[in-house]
């Protein structure tokens, strides 16, 4: 299974409220794809305005799961053959893209139940570029062992209330060109839980180069299932 994350930025003329309403409808066109090309699963994520970071790099993220590269290519070919849907809310193309293998490191059963039950969930996402001098393989190994902590060389454990219900790392596949070297996702049931994680990171995380990450960004989003 591979997973594609596409990041979008709203047009200057579009309010955040308009974007939150229109962006899921735009992405929802994937539901019309035939069964053999439709993504296995798809979600649309839009920023939570009251929790947006000052340097928030994106306003929305579409996430698609495919069985393999061939499946994704069939889907893209089908999309290109369809009449183009006018896009009045985002840039014409995604501002960033990551094609990755997903590794669920905590809360696998919670996530399985989440995909079955449907509905919206809140999520904290971190996007990062690896430190200079680290190969992709070195970074992957170290990032997995870094899970549940922040900082270095003496990492600080993330306390249970800020750890969320489930945690997944997305590691870019070598065959694809990805904008970020790391994207993680942490799910919450409610706004106070998500805000608690953001507040903890604000107090304990310094966004400066380390021996693991060169730069990172955070997104607080509401996740809606489009295809399950």
Protein backbone atom coordinates (compact mmCIF):
# COMPACT_ATOMS: atom_id res chain seq x y z
CA UNK A 1 0.00 0.00 0.00
CA UNK A 2 1.21 3.52 -0.77
CA UNK A 3 -0.20 6.81 0.42
CA UNK A 4 -0.19 10.16 -1.38
CA UNK A 5 -0.53 13.43 0.50
CA UNK A 6 -1.21 16.56 -1.56
CA UNK A 7 -1.01 19.94 0.13
CA UNK A 8 -3.02 22.97 -1.00
CA UNK A 9 -3.06 26.70 -0.33
CA UNK A 10 -6.19 28.80 -0.77
CA UNK A 11 -6.27 31.69 -3.19
CA UNK A 12 -5.78 35.18 -1.76
CA UNK A 13 -9.32 36.09 -2.77
CA UNK A 14 -10.87 33.16 -0.87
CA UNK A 15 -11.68 33.35 2.84
CA UNK A 16 -10.73 30.45 5.07
CA UNK A 17 -14.43 29.73 5.64
CA UNK A 18 -15.05 29.50 1.88
CA UNK A 19 -12.02 27.24 1.49
CA UNK A 20 -13.15 24.89 4.27
CA UNK A 21 -16.53 24.51 2.57
CA UNK A 22 -15.36 24.19 -1.05
CA UNK A 23 -12.11 22.23 -0.84
CA UNK A 24 -13.71 18.90 0.27
CA UNK A 25 -16.23 19.20 -2.58
CA UNK A 26 -13.40 19.70 -5.05
CA UNK A 27 -11.49 16.66 -3.77
CA UNK A 28 -14.65 14.58 -3.58
CA UNK A 29 -14.67 14.10 -7.36
CA UNK A 30 -12.50 11.01 -6.73
CA UNK A 31 -15.65 9.23 -5.51
CA UNK A 32 -16.85 9.05 -9.13
CA UNK A 33 -13.86 6.97 -10.24
CA UNK A 34 -14.60 3.35 -11.29
CA UNK A 35 -13.84 0.67 -8.73
CA UNK A 36 -10.58 -0.47 -10.31
CA UNK A 37 -9.09 3.05 -10.24
CA UNK A 38 -10.75 4.59 -7.17
CA UNK A 39 -8.40 5.06 -4.18
CA UNK A 40 -8.71 2.41 -1.48
CA UNK A 41 -9.34 5.24 0.98
CA UNK A 42 -9.35 9.02 0.77
CA UNK A 43 -9.59 11.80 3.34
CA UNK A 44 -9.72 15.57 3.04
CA UNK A 45 -8.15 17.70 5.75
CA UNK A 46 -8.79 21.41 6.27
CA UNK A 47 -7.11 23.71 8.78
CA UNK A 48 -8.79 24.53 12.07
CA UNK A 49 -8.69 28.36 11.88
CA UNK A 50 -8.55 29.04 15.61
CA UNK A 51 -5.52 26.73 15.96
CA UNK A 52 -3.62 27.76 12.82
CA UNK A 53 0.11 28.33 13.35
CA UNK A 54 1.52 31.74 12.28
CA UNK A 55 3.75 30.09 9.66
CA UNK A 56 1.07 27.59 8.55
CA UNK A 57 2.36 26.40 5.18
CA UNK A 58 -0.89 24.93 3.82
CA UNK A 59 -4.66 25.26 4.20
CA UNK A 60 -5.69 21.79 3.10
CA UNK A 61 -4.36 18.26 2.58
CA UNK A 62 -5.91 15.50 0.50
CA UNK A 63 -4.74 11.99 1.40
CA UNK A 64 -5.22 8.98 -0.88
CA UNK A 65 -4.31 5.32 -0.31
CA UNK A 66 -3.50 3.07 -3.30
CA UNK A 67 -2.61 -0.59 -3.53
CA UNK A 68 0.59 0.18 -5.44
CA UNK A 69 2.17 2.57 -7.94
CA UNK A 70 0.30 1.01 -10.86
CA UNK A 71 -3.02 1.58 -9.11
CA UNK A 72 -2.13 5.24 -8.51
CA UNK A 73 -1.08 5.66 -12.14
CA UNK A 74 -4.42 4.22 -13.35
CA UNK A 75 -6.26 6.62 -11.09
CA UNK A 76 -4.26 9.61 -12.36
CA UNK A 77 -4.84 8.58 -15.97
CA UNK A 78 -8.59 8.40 -15.34
CA UNK A 79 -8.56 11.84 -13.69
CA UNK A 80 -6.69 13.40 -16.61
CA UNK A 81 -9.30 12.04 -19.03
CA UNK A 82 -12.20 13.69 -17.16
CA UNK A 83 -13.52 17.20 -17.87
CA UNK A 84 -11.57 19.61 -15.69
CA UNK A 85 -13.50 20.88 -12.71
CA UNK A 86 -13.08 24.64 -12.23
CA UNK A 87 -11.00 25.28 -9.13
CA UNK A 88 -11.88 28.62 -7.61
CA UNK A 89 -10.41 28.06 -4.15
CA UNK A 90 -6.84 26.74 -4.48
CA UNK A 91 -3.76 27.12 -6.59
CA UNK A 92 -4.02 25.21 -9.88
CA UNK A 93 -1.62 22.48 -8.69
CA UNK A 94 -0.77 21.09 -5.23
CA UNK A 95 1.85 23.24 -3.51
CA UNK A 96 3.54 20.12 -2.12
CA UNK A 97 3.26 16.36 -2.48
CA UNK A 98 4.50 13.32 -0.58
CA UNK A 99 4.16 9.69 -1.76
CA UNK A 100 4.90 7.44 1.16
CA UNK A 101 4.59 4.20 3.07
CA UNK A 102 2.52 4.63 6.20
CA UNK A 103 3.77 3.23 9.51
CA UNK A 104 1.21 3.24 12.34
CA UNK A 105 3.30 3.25 15.52
CA UNK A 106 0.51 3.70 18.04
CA UNK A 107 -3.27 3.21 18.09
CA UNK A 108 -3.66 0.75 15.23
CA UNK A 109 -6.98 -0.59 16.53
CA UNK A 110 -8.29 2.93 17.16
CA UNK A 111 -7.51 3.84 13.56
CA UNK A 112 -9.16 0.69 12.22
CA UNK A 113 -12.30 1.58 14.18
CA UNK A 114 -12.07 5.17 12.96
CA UNK A 115 -12.08 4.15 9.29
CA UNK A 116 -15.08 1.88 9.92
CA UNK A 117 -17.14 4.33 11.99
CA UNK A 118 -16.59 7.35 9.70
CA UNK A 119 -17.26 10.92 10.76
CA UNK A 120 -14.77 13.74 11.26
CA UNK A 121 -11.73 13.69 13.52
CA UNK A 122 -9.19 16.30 14.54
CA UNK A 123 -5.54 15.79 13.73
CA UNK A 124 -2.13 17.33 14.35
CA UNK A 125 0.31 17.00 11.45
CA UNK A 126 4.05 17.69 11.40
CA UNK A 127 5.95 18.21 8.13
CA UNK A 128 9.73 18.15 8.16
CA UNK A 129 12.93 18.24 6.14
CA UNK A 130 15.72 15.96 7.33
CA UNK A 131 18.97 17.32 8.69
CA UNK A 132 21.85 18.01 6.32
CA UNK A 133 24.19 15.05 5.98
CA UNK A 134 21.58 12.37 6.71
CA UNK A 135 20.75 9.89 3.95
CA UNK A 136 17.12 8.91 3.48
CA UNK A 137 17.78 5.48 5.04
CA UNK A 138 19.61 6.96 8.02
CA UNK A 139 16.82 9.45 8.57
CA UNK A 140 14.10 6.79 8.36
CA UNK A 141 15.77 4.60 10.98
CA UNK A 142 16.40 7.47 13.37
CA UNK A 143 12.96 9.04 12.96
CA UNK A 144 11.21 5.77 13.87
CA UNK A 145 13.29 5.47 17.05
CA UNK A 146 12.56 9.16 17.80
CA UNK A 147 8.77 8.55 18.00
CA UNK A 148 7.08 9.86 21.13
CA UNK A 149 9.78 12.42 21.93
CA UNK A 150 10.91 15.86 20.79
CA UNK A 151 14.30 17.51 20.70
CA UNK A 152 17.81 16.15 20.91
CA UNK A 153 20.41 15.05 21.83
CA UNK A 154 18.43 14.51 25.08
CA UNK A 155 14.86 13.96 23.74
CA UNK A 156 11.92 14.97 25.93
CA UNK A 157 9.08 12.40 26.13
CA UNK A 158 5.67 13.65 25.00
CA UNK A 159 3.21 13.24 27.93
CA UNK A 160 0.19 10.92 27.47
CA UNK A 161 -2.47 13.69 27.16
CA UNK A 162 -0.56 15.16 24.19
CA UNK A 163 0.07 11.80 22.49
CA UNK A 164 -3.44 11.46 21.01
CA UNK A 165 -5.39 8.32 20.11
CA UNK A 166 -3.14 7.17 17.26
CA UNK A 167 0.17 8.13 15.70
CA UNK A 168 1.39 7.41 12.16
CA UNK A 169 4.60 8.26 10.35
CA UNK A 170 4.67 8.64 6.56
CA UNK A 171 8.06 7.78 5.03
CA UNK A 172 8.53 8.88 1.39
CA UNK A 173 9.16 6.04 -1.05
CA UNK A 174 12.55 6.19 -2.83
CA UNK A 175 11.03 6.04 -6.33
CA UNK A 176 9.09 9.31 -5.93
CA UNK A 177 10.09 12.94 -5.51
CA UNK A 178 8.52 14.20 -2.28
CA UNK A 179 8.49 17.74 -0.92
CA UNK A 180 8.97 16.67 2.70
CA UNK A 181 11.14 13.93 4.20
CA UNK A 182 8.69 13.32 7.03
CA UNK A 183 4.98 13.74 7.64
CA UNK A 184 3.37 12.47 10.81
CA UNK A 185 -0.25 12.43 11.94
CA UNK A 186 -1.72 12.33 15.46
CA UNK A 187 -5.50 11.93 15.89
CA UNK A 188 -7.77 13.40 18.57
CA UNK A 189 -11.47 13.12 19.40
CA UNK A 190 -12.00 16.72 20.44
CA UNK A 191 -10.68 20.26 20.24
CA UNK A 192 -9.34 20.42 23.85
CA UNK A 193 -7.19 17.32 23.19
CA UNK A 194 -5.75 18.76 19.99
CA UNK A 195 -5.19 22.16 21.61
CA UNK A 196 -3.43 20.47 24.53
CA UNK A 197 -0.87 18.93 22.16
CA UNK A 198 -0.33 22.24 20.37
CA UNK A 199 0.16 24.06 23.67
CA UNK A 200 2.63 21.42 24.89
CA UNK A 201 4.66 21.68 21.69
CA UNK A 202 4.63 25.47 21.89
CA UNK A 203 6.14 25.24 25.39
CA UNK A 204 8.61 22.40 24.76
CA UNK A 205 9.60 22.40 21.10
CA UNK A 206 12.09 24.83 19.55
CA UNK A 207 11.80 24.95 15.76
CA UNK A 208 15.48 25.12 14.95
CA UNK A 209 17.88 22.75 13.17
CA UNK A 210 18.78 19.54 15.04
CA UNK A 211 20.77 16.44 14.15
CA UNK A 212 17.49 14.91 12.85
CA UNK A 213 15.36 17.72 11.38
CA UNK A 214 16.53 20.79 9.48
CA UNK A 215 13.11 22.47 9.49
CA UNK A 216 9.55 21.54 10.46
CA UNK A 217 6.02 22.92 10.25
CA UNK A 218 2.78 22.03 12.01
CA UNK A 219 -0.84 21.86 10.87
CA UNK A 220 -3.99 21.45 12.97
CA UNK A 221 -6.70 20.02 10.72
CA UNK A 222 -10.16 18.51 10.64
CA UNK A 223 -10.12 15.19 8.79
CA UNK A 224 -13.16 14.11 6.74
CA UNK A 225 -13.43 10.68 5.11
CA UNK A 226 -14.30 10.85 1.41
CA UNK A 227 -13.72 7.18 0.48
CA UNK A 228 -13.45 4.38 3.06
